Amino acid sequence: MNEKIKSGILNILFAVVCTAVIISLAVSITVWCRPIYYFDLGYLGIPERSGIAEEICRLNYDALIDYNVIGGPDELQFPTLAMSETGRIHFEEVKDIFITMQWTGIIGGALIILAIFKWKESKWLHYTVFTTVGIAAAVLAAVIIDWQWAFTTMHKIFFNNDYWIFSAKTDPVIKILPDEFFMHCGLVIILLVVLAMAAFEIIYRKRRKHNG
């Protein structure tokens, strides 16, 4: 196998890794960005729809996010809301996914920055743009065409049970987490991915111009 083929394979493989890192980082930043929820409290009228005061919504949401970030508590405890056993299991599964994504985003992001500054190859930047934008476009299309189907399909992909289907009677937290909020989070994730890919493409073109 000649050097050109080896280089091409290496660029493609690294592009696939970068795609996973960028998506993980976008998801992580969205999870960390609590103001998205704070904005939706008023925009979606969550307190009015749920019958739960705004400060109580914030208190319980903050407890949920604290649980789902690196260094957070080992056990989820809502300050004022009850939680079923299946709800607890679901949140444990969600935490495993989020923590994995956060470490992937942090460590992988550092490796990408190192590659940008130290690796002379640049085709992986271009390949990453195509791969990542393709996935983002497919997800965006699904969200626009049928958000409920996209939401349900996503859960079926990541979870091998139906514990994510909450009852407001046993898990009242679902009343303060409407589907529209998750849709907004999805759109923020897509926006972050597009911005990252725009930066990748700019870097790639500058490198190509510099290298002739």
C-alpha atoms as a PDB file:
ATOM      1  CA  MET A   1       0.000   0.000   0.000  1.00  0.00           C
ATOM      2  CA  ASN A   2       1.558   3.286  -1.083  1.00  0.00           C
ATOM      3  CA  GLU A   3       1.821   6.382   1.071  1.00  0.00           C
ATOM      4  CA  LYS A   4      -0.979   8.211  -0.752  1.00  0.00           C
ATOM      5  CA  ILE A   5      -3.507   5.467  -0.004  1.00  0.00           C
ATOM      6  CA  LYS A   6      -2.357   5.216   3.609  1.00  0.00           C
ATOM      7  CA  SER A   7      -2.705   8.973   4.006  1.00  0.00           C
ATOM      8  CA  GLY A   8      -6.189   8.892   2.500  1.00  0.00           C
ATOM      9  CA  ILE A   9      -7.358   6.121   4.832  1.00  0.00           C
ATOM     10  CA  LEU A  10      -5.863   7.903   7.838  1.00  0.00           C
ATOM     11  CA  ASN A  11      -7.616  11.152   6.893  1.00  0.00           C
ATOM     12  CA  ILE A  12     -10.960   9.379   6.518  1.00  0.00           C
ATOM     13  CA  LEU A  13     -10.629   7.507   9.814  1.00  0.00           C
ATOM     14  CA  PHE A  14      -9.674  10.676  11.657  1.00  0.00           C
ATOM     15  CA  ALA A  15     -12.611  12.490  10.043  1.00  0.00           C
ATOM     16  CA  VAL A  16     -15.003   9.847  11.410  1.00  0.00           C
ATOM     17  CA  VAL A  17     -13.494  10.260  14.878  1.00  0.00           C
ATOM     18  CA  CYS A  18     -13.768  14.043  14.574  1.00  0.00           C
ATOM     19  CA  THR A  19     -17.437  13.751  13.636  1.00  0.00           C
ATOM     20  CA  ALA A  20     -18.142  11.824  16.849  1.00  0.00           C
ATOM     21  CA  VAL A  21     -16.136  14.354  18.859  1.00  0.00           C
ATOM     22  CA  ILE A  22     -17.868  17.406  17.366  1.00  0.00           C
ATOM     23  CA  ILE A  23     -21.330  15.954  17.938  1.00  0.00           C
ATOM     24  CA  SER A  24     -20.410  14.943  21.499  1.00  0.00           C
ATOM     25  CA  LEU A  25     -19.033  18.398  22.199  1.00  0.00           C
ATOM     26  CA  ALA A  26     -22.130  20.093  20.757  1.00  0.00           C
ATOM     27  CA  VAL A  27     -24.401  17.920  22.907  1.00  0.00           C
ATOM     28  CA  SER A  28     -22.267  18.588  25.992  1.00  0.00           C
ATOM     29  CA  ILE A  29     -22.256  22.367  25.505  1.00  0.00           C
ATOM     30  CA  THR A  30     -26.043  22.286  25.124  1.00  0.00           C
ATOM     31  CA  VAL A  31     -26.421  20.283  28.324  1.00  0.00           C
ATOM     32  CA  TRP A  32     -24.129  22.715  30.170  1.00  0.00           C
ATOM     33  CA  CYS A  33     -26.012  25.750  28.814  1.00  0.00           C
ATOM     34  CA  ARG A  34     -28.773  26.145  31.404  1.00  0.00           C
ATOM     35  CA  PRO A  35     -29.975  29.503  29.975  1.00  0.00           C
ATOM     36  CA  ILE A  36     -31.682  27.544  27.179  1.00  0.00           C
ATOM     37  CA  TYR A  37     -34.081  26.126  29.750  1.00  0.00           C
ATOM     38  CA  TYR A  38     -34.364  29.392  31.641  1.00  0.00           C
ATOM     39  CA  PHE A  39     -35.393  31.105  28.392  1.00  0.00           C
ATOM     40  CA  ASP A  40     -37.941  28.392  27.615  1.00  0.00           C
ATOM     41  CA  LEU A  41     -39.502  28.786  31.043  1.00  0.00           C
ATOM     42  CA  GLY A  42     -40.980  32.044  29.814  1.00  0.00           C
ATOM     43  CA  TYR A  43     -41.073  31.375  26.074  1.00  0.00           C
ATOM     44  CA  LEU A  44     -42.971  28.093  26.423  1.00  0.00           C
ATOM     45  CA  GLY A  45     -44.891  29.138  29.525  1.00  0.00           C
ATOM     46  CA  ILE A  46     -43.685  26.058  31.400  1.00  0.00           C
ATOM     47  CA  PRO A  47     -44.796  27.215  34.877  1.00  0.00           C
ATOM     48  CA  GLU A  48     -48.300  27.957  33.599  1.00  0.00           C
ATOM     49  CA  ARG A  49     -48.548  24.697  31.663  1.00  0.00           C
ATOM     50  CA  SER A  50     -47.178  22.548  34.464  1.00  0.00           C
ATOM     51  CA  GLY A  51     -48.767  24.306  37.414  1.00  0.00           C
ATOM     52  CA  ILE A  52     -45.326  24.441  39.054  1.00  0.00           C
ATOM     53  CA  ALA A  53     -43.803  27.786  40.073  1.00  0.00           C
ATOM     54  CA  GLU A  54     -40.860  29.051  38.019  1.00  0.00           C
ATOM     55  CA  GLU A  55     -38.391  28.969  40.917  1.00  0.00           C
ATOM     56  CA  ILE A  56     -39.361  25.345  41.628  1.00  0.00           C
ATOM     57  CA  CYS A  57     -38.897  24.451  37.950  1.00  0.00           C
ATOM     58  CA  ARG A  58     -35.420  25.999  38.039  1.00  0.00           C
ATOM     59  CA  LEU A  59     -34.521  24.264  41.296  1.00  0.00           C
ATOM     60  CA  ASN A  60     -35.399  20.800  39.993  1.00  0.00           C
ATOM     61  CA  TYR A  61     -33.896  21.388  36.548  1.00  0.00           C
ATOM     62  CA  ASP A  62     -30.634  22.513  38.124  1.00  0.00           C
ATOM     63  CA  ALA A  63     -30.584  19.341  40.227  1.00  0.00           C
ATOM     64  CA  LEU A  64     -31.036  17.286  37.055  1.00  0.00           C
ATOM     65  CA  ILE A  65     -28.200  19.072  35.235  1.00  0.00           C
ATOM     66  CA  ASP A  66     -25.899  18.890  38.271  1.00  0.00           C
ATOM     67  CA  TYR A  67     -26.431  15.123  38.192  1.00  0.00           C
ATOM     68  CA  ASN A  68     -25.632  14.860  34.479  1.00  0.00           C
ATOM     69  CA  VAL A  69     -22.284  16.672  34.383  1.00  0.00           C
ATOM     70  CA  ILE A  70     -18.779  15.463  35.157  1.00  0.00           C
ATOM     71  CA  GLY A  71     -18.172  15.659  38.892  1.00  0.00           C
ATOM     72  CA  GLY A  72     -21.883  15.703  39.701  1.00  0.00           C
ATOM     73  CA  PRO A  73     -23.560  13.689  42.472  1.00  0.00           C
ATOM     74  CA  ASP A  74     -23.728   9.905  42.124  1.00  0.00           C
ATOM     75  CA  GLU A  75     -27.441   9.834  42.908  1.00  0.00           C
ATOM     76  CA  LEU A  76     -30.212  11.990  41.510  1.00  0.00           C
ATOM     77  CA  GLN A  77     -32.396  13.702  44.074  1.00  0.00           C
ATOM     78  CA  PHE A  78     -35.077  16.149  42.979  1.00  0.00           C
ATOM     79  CA  PRO A  79     -35.576  18.815  45.662  1.00  0.00           C
ATOM     80  CA  THR A  80     -39.374  18.858  45.431  1.00  0.00           C
ATOM     81  CA  LEU A  81     -40.471  16.255  42.875  1.00  0.00           C
ATOM     82  CA  ALA A  82     -41.155  12.551  43.274  1.00  0.00           C
ATOM     83  CA  MET A  83     -39.421   9.981  41.057  1.00  0.00           C
ATOM     84  CA  SER A  84     -40.312   6.380  40.179  1.00  0.00           C
ATOM     85  CA  GLU A  85     -37.804   3.532  40.089  1.00  0.00           C
ATOM     86  CA  THR A  86     -38.048   3.300  36.294  1.00  0.00           C
ATOM     87  CA  GLY A  87     -37.509   7.057  36.126  1.00  0.00           C
ATOM     88  CA  ARG A  88     -34.388   6.719  38.243  1.00  0.00           C
ATOM     89  CA  ILE A  89     -33.062   3.968  35.966  1.00  0.00           C
ATOM     90  CA  HIS A  90     -33.721   6.086  32.875  1.00  0.00           C
ATOM     91  CA  PHE A  91     -31.864   9.072  34.310  1.00  0.00           C
ATOM     92  CA  GLU A  92     -28.938   6.809  35.216  1.00  0.00           C
ATOM     93  CA  GLU A  93     -28.820   5.648  31.585  1.00  0.00           C
ATOM     94  CA  VAL A  94     -29.014   9.248  30.370  1.00  0.00           C
ATOM     95  CA  LYS A  95     -26.169  10.220  32.684  1.00  0.00           C
ATOM     96  CA  ASP A  96     -23.958   7.427  31.325  1.00  0.00           C
ATOM     97  CA  ILE A  97     -24.513   8.752  27.784  1.00  0.00           C
ATOM     98  CA  PHE A  98     -23.930  12.399  28.720  1.00  0.00           C
ATOM     99  CA  ILE A  99     -20.789  11.716  30.759  1.00  0.00           C
ATOM    100  CA  THR A 100     -19.358   9.620  27.920  1.00  0.00           C
ATOM    101  CA  MET A 101     -20.094  12.434  25.474  1.00  0.00           C
ATOM    102  CA  GLN A 102     -18.552  15.051  27.763  1.00  0.00           C
ATOM    103  CA  TRP A 103     -15.288  13.138  28.124  1.00  0.00           C
ATOM    104  CA  THR A 104     -15.298  12.389  24.392  1.00  0.00           C
ATOM    105  CA  GLY A 105     -15.833  16.064  23.622  1.00  0.00           C
ATOM    106  CA  ILE A 106     -13.190  17.323  26.043  1.00  0.00           C
ATOM    107  CA  ILE A 107     -10.438  14.807  25.257  1.00  0.00           C
ATOM    108  CA  GLY A 108     -11.275  14.586  21.569  1.00  0.00           C
ATOM    109  CA  GLY A 109     -11.541  18.370  21.279  1.00  0.00           C
ATOM    110  CA  ALA A 110      -8.041  18.717  22.705  1.00  0.00           C
ATOM    111  CA  LEU A 111      -6.729  16.175  20.181  1.00  0.00           C
ATOM    112  CA  ILE A 112      -8.417  18.024  17.301  1.00  0.00           C
ATOM    113  CA  ILE A 113      -6.821  21.311  18.358  1.00  0.00           C
ATOM    114  CA  LEU A 114      -3.455  19.547  18.578  1.00  0.00           C
ATOM    115  CA  ALA A 115      -3.961  18.071  15.102  1.00  0.00           C
ATOM    116  CA  ILE A 116      -4.867  21.461  13.639  1.00  0.00           C
ATOM    117  CA  PHE A 117      -1.645  23.005  14.910  1.00  0.00           C
ATOM    118  CA  LYS A 118       0.736  20.055  14.610  1.00  0.00           C
ATOM    119  CA  TRP A 119      -0.469  17.841  11.752  1.00  0.00           C
ATOM    120  CA  LYS A 120       0.391  19.014   8.267  1.00  0.00           C
ATOM    121  CA  GLU A 121      -2.414  16.943   6.711  1.00  0.00           C
ATOM    122  CA  SER A 122      -5.599  18.908   6.109  1.00  0.00           C
ATOM    123  CA  LYS A 123      -7.947  16.693   4.078  1.00  0.00           C
ATOM    124  CA  TRP A 124      -9.434  15.307   7.286  1.00  0.00           C
ATOM    125  CA  LEU A 125     -10.854  18.763   7.967  1.00  0.00           C
ATOM    126  CA  HIS A 126     -12.731  18.697   4.655  1.00  0.00           C
ATOM    127  CA  TYR A 127     -13.889  15.098   5.128  1.00  0.00           C
ATOM    128  CA  THR A 128     -15.157  15.922   8.607  1.00  0.00           C
ATOM    129  CA  VAL A 129     -17.232  18.777   7.201  1.00  0.00           C
ATOM    130  CA  PHE A 130     -18.950  16.484   4.687  1.00  0.00           C
ATOM    131  CA  THR A 131     -19.610  13.714   7.221  1.00  0.00           C
ATOM    132  CA  THR A 132     -20.804  15.932  10.058  1.00  0.00           C
ATOM    133  CA  VAL A 133     -22.915  18.299   7.964  1.00  0.00           C
ATOM    134  CA  GLY A 134     -24.530  15.290   6.297  1.00  0.00           C
ATOM    135  CA  ILE A 135     -25.591  13.895   9.672  1.00  0.00           C
ATOM    136  CA  ALA A 136     -26.732  17.320  10.895  1.00  0.00           C
ATOM    137  CA  ALA A 137     -28.772  17.880   7.725  1.00  0.00           C
ATOM    138  CA  ALA A 138     -30.476  14.491   8.079  1.00  0.00           C
ATOM    139  CA  VAL A 139     -31.335  15.175  11.726  1.00  0.00           C
ATOM    140  CA  LEU A 140     -32.592  18.682  10.934  1.00  0.00           C
ATOM    141  CA  ALA A 141     -34.790  17.329   8.144  1.00  0.00           C
ATOM    142  CA  ALA A 142     -36.263  14.745  10.522  1.00  0.00           C
ATOM    143  CA  VAL A 143     -36.924  17.415  13.152  1.00  0.00           C
ATOM    144  CA  ILE A 144     -38.627  19.725  10.651  1.00  0.00           C
ATOM    145  CA  ILE A 145     -40.697  16.997   8.974  1.00  0.00           C
ATOM    146  CA  ASP A 146     -41.828  15.149  12.116  1.00  0.00           C
ATOM    147  CA  TRP A 147     -40.325  16.164  15.453  1.00  0.00           C
ATOM    148  CA  GLN A 148     -42.304  13.566  17.431  1.00  0.00           C
ATOM    149  CA  TRP A 149     -41.069  10.740  15.185  1.00  0.00           C
ATOM    150  CA  ALA A 150     -37.484  12.012  15.441  1.00  0.00           C
ATOM    151  CA  PHE A 151     -37.760  12.280  19.233  1.00  0.00           C
ATOM    152  CA  THR A 152     -39.189   8.771  19.572  1.00  0.00           C
ATOM    153  CA  THR A 153     -36.682   7.242  17.146  1.00  0.00           C
ATOM    154  CA  MET A 154     -33.763   8.839  18.971  1.00  0.00           C
ATOM    155  CA  HIS A 155     -34.897   7.269  22.241  1.00  0.00           C
ATOM    156  CA  LYS A 156     -35.370   3.861  20.626  1.00  0.00           C
ATOM    157  CA  ILE A 157     -31.815   4.046  19.281  1.00  0.00           C
ATOM    158  CA  PHE A 158     -30.178   4.970  22.587  1.00  0.00           C
ATOM    159  CA  PHE A 159     -32.351   2.982  25.028  1.00  0.00           C
ATOM    160  CA  ASN A 160     -33.342  -0.677  25.030  1.00  0.00           C
ATOM    161  CA  ASN A 161     -36.410  -0.128  27.205  1.00  0.00           C
ATOM    162  CA  ASP A 162     -39.426   2.180  27.404  1.00  0.00           C
ATOM    163  CA  TYR A 163     -38.533   3.778  30.732  1.00  0.00           C
ATOM    164  CA  TRP A 164     -38.210   7.117  28.916  1.00  0.00           C
ATOM    165  CA  ILE A 165     -42.008   7.178  28.531  1.00  0.00           C
ATOM    166  CA  PHE A 166     -42.859   9.008  31.744  1.00  0.00           C
ATOM    167  CA  SER A 167     -46.161   9.341  33.552  1.00  0.00           C
ATOM    168  CA  ALA A 168     -46.763  12.738  35.132  1.00  0.00           C
ATOM    169  CA  LYS A 169     -48.295  10.953  38.115  1.00  0.00           C
ATOM    170  CA  THR A 170     -45.176   8.990  39.049  1.00  0.00           C
ATOM    171  CA  ASP A 171     -42.535  11.282  37.490  1.00  0.00           C
ATOM    172  CA  PRO A 172     -43.862  14.854  37.599  1.00  0.00           C
ATOM    173  CA  VAL A 173     -40.512  16.157  36.290  1.00  0.00           C
ATOM    174  CA  ILE A 174     -41.857  15.430  32.806  1.00  0.00           C
ATOM    175  CA  LYS A 175     -44.314  18.292  33.285  1.00  0.00           C
ATOM    176  CA  ILE A 176     -41.461  20.790  33.416  1.00  0.00           C
ATOM    177  CA  LEU A 177     -39.588  19.226  30.477  1.00  0.00           C
ATOM    178  CA  PRO A 178     -41.898  19.639  27.458  1.00  0.00           C
ATOM    179  CA  ASP A 179     -41.057  18.181  24.057  1.00  0.00           C
ATOM    180  CA  GLU A 180     -40.569  21.672  22.640  1.00  0.00           C
ATOM    181  CA  PHE A 181     -37.674  22.260  25.017  1.00  0.00           C
ATOM    182  CA  PHE A 182     -35.911  19.151  23.730  1.00  0.00           C
ATOM    183  CA  MET A 183     -36.567  20.300  20.170  1.00  0.00           C
ATOM    184  CA  HIS A 184     -34.907  23.629  20.964  1.00  0.00           C
ATOM    185  CA  CYS A 185     -31.934  21.752  22.420  1.00  0.00           C
ATOM    186  CA  GLY A 186     -31.729  19.711  19.229  1.00  0.00           C
ATOM    187  CA  LEU A 187     -31.699  22.863  17.115  1.00  0.00           C
ATOM    188  CA  VAL A 188     -28.950  24.384  19.285  1.00  0.00           C
ATOM    189  CA  ILE A 189     -26.885  21.216  18.847  1.00  0.00           C
ATOM    190  CA  ILE A 190     -27.293  21.406  15.070  1.00  0.00           C
ATOM    191  CA  LEU A 191     -26.347  25.113  15.101  1.00  0.00           C
ATOM    192  CA  LEU A 192     -23.186  24.402  17.105  1.00  0.00           C
ATOM    193  CA  VAL A 193     -22.232  21.603  14.719  1.00  0.00           C
ATOM    194  CA  VAL A 194     -22.732  23.871  11.685  1.00  0.00           C
ATOM    195  CA  LEU A 195     -20.615  26.623  13.274  1.00  0.00           C
ATOM    196  CA  ALA A 196     -17.851  24.144  14.064  1.00  0.00           C
ATOM    197  CA  MET A 197     -17.909  22.839  10.497  1.00  0.00           C
ATOM    198  CA  ALA A 198     -17.788  26.376   9.119  1.00  0.00           C
ATOM    199  CA  ALA A 199     -14.618  26.900  11.168  1.00  0.00           C
ATOM    200  CA  PHE A 200     -13.191  23.605   9.880  1.00  0.00           C
ATOM    201  CA  GLU A 201     -13.878  24.594   6.277  1.00  0.00           C
ATOM    202  CA  ILE A 202     -12.274  28.012   6.753  1.00  0.00           C
ATOM    203  CA  ILE A 203      -9.161  26.416   8.253  1.00  0.00           C
ATOM    204  CA  TYR A 204      -9.046  23.864   5.442  1.00  0.00           C
ATOM    205  CA  ARG A 205      -9.276  26.512   2.703  1.00  0.00           C
ATOM    206  CA  LYS A 206      -6.621  28.680   4.318  1.00  0.00           C
ATOM    207  CA  ARG A 207      -4.290  25.685   4.562  1.00  0.00           C
ATOM    208  CA  ARG A 208      -4.947  24.697   0.963  1.00  0.00           C
ATOM    209  CA  LYS A 209      -4.291  28.256  -0.201  1.00  0.00           C
ATOM    210  CA  HIS A 210      -1.121  28.454   1.886  1.00  0.00           C
ATOM    211  CA  ASN A 211       0.130  25.117   0.542  1.00  0.00           C
ATOM    212  CA  GLY A 212      -0.740  25.988  -3.034  1.00  0.00           C
END
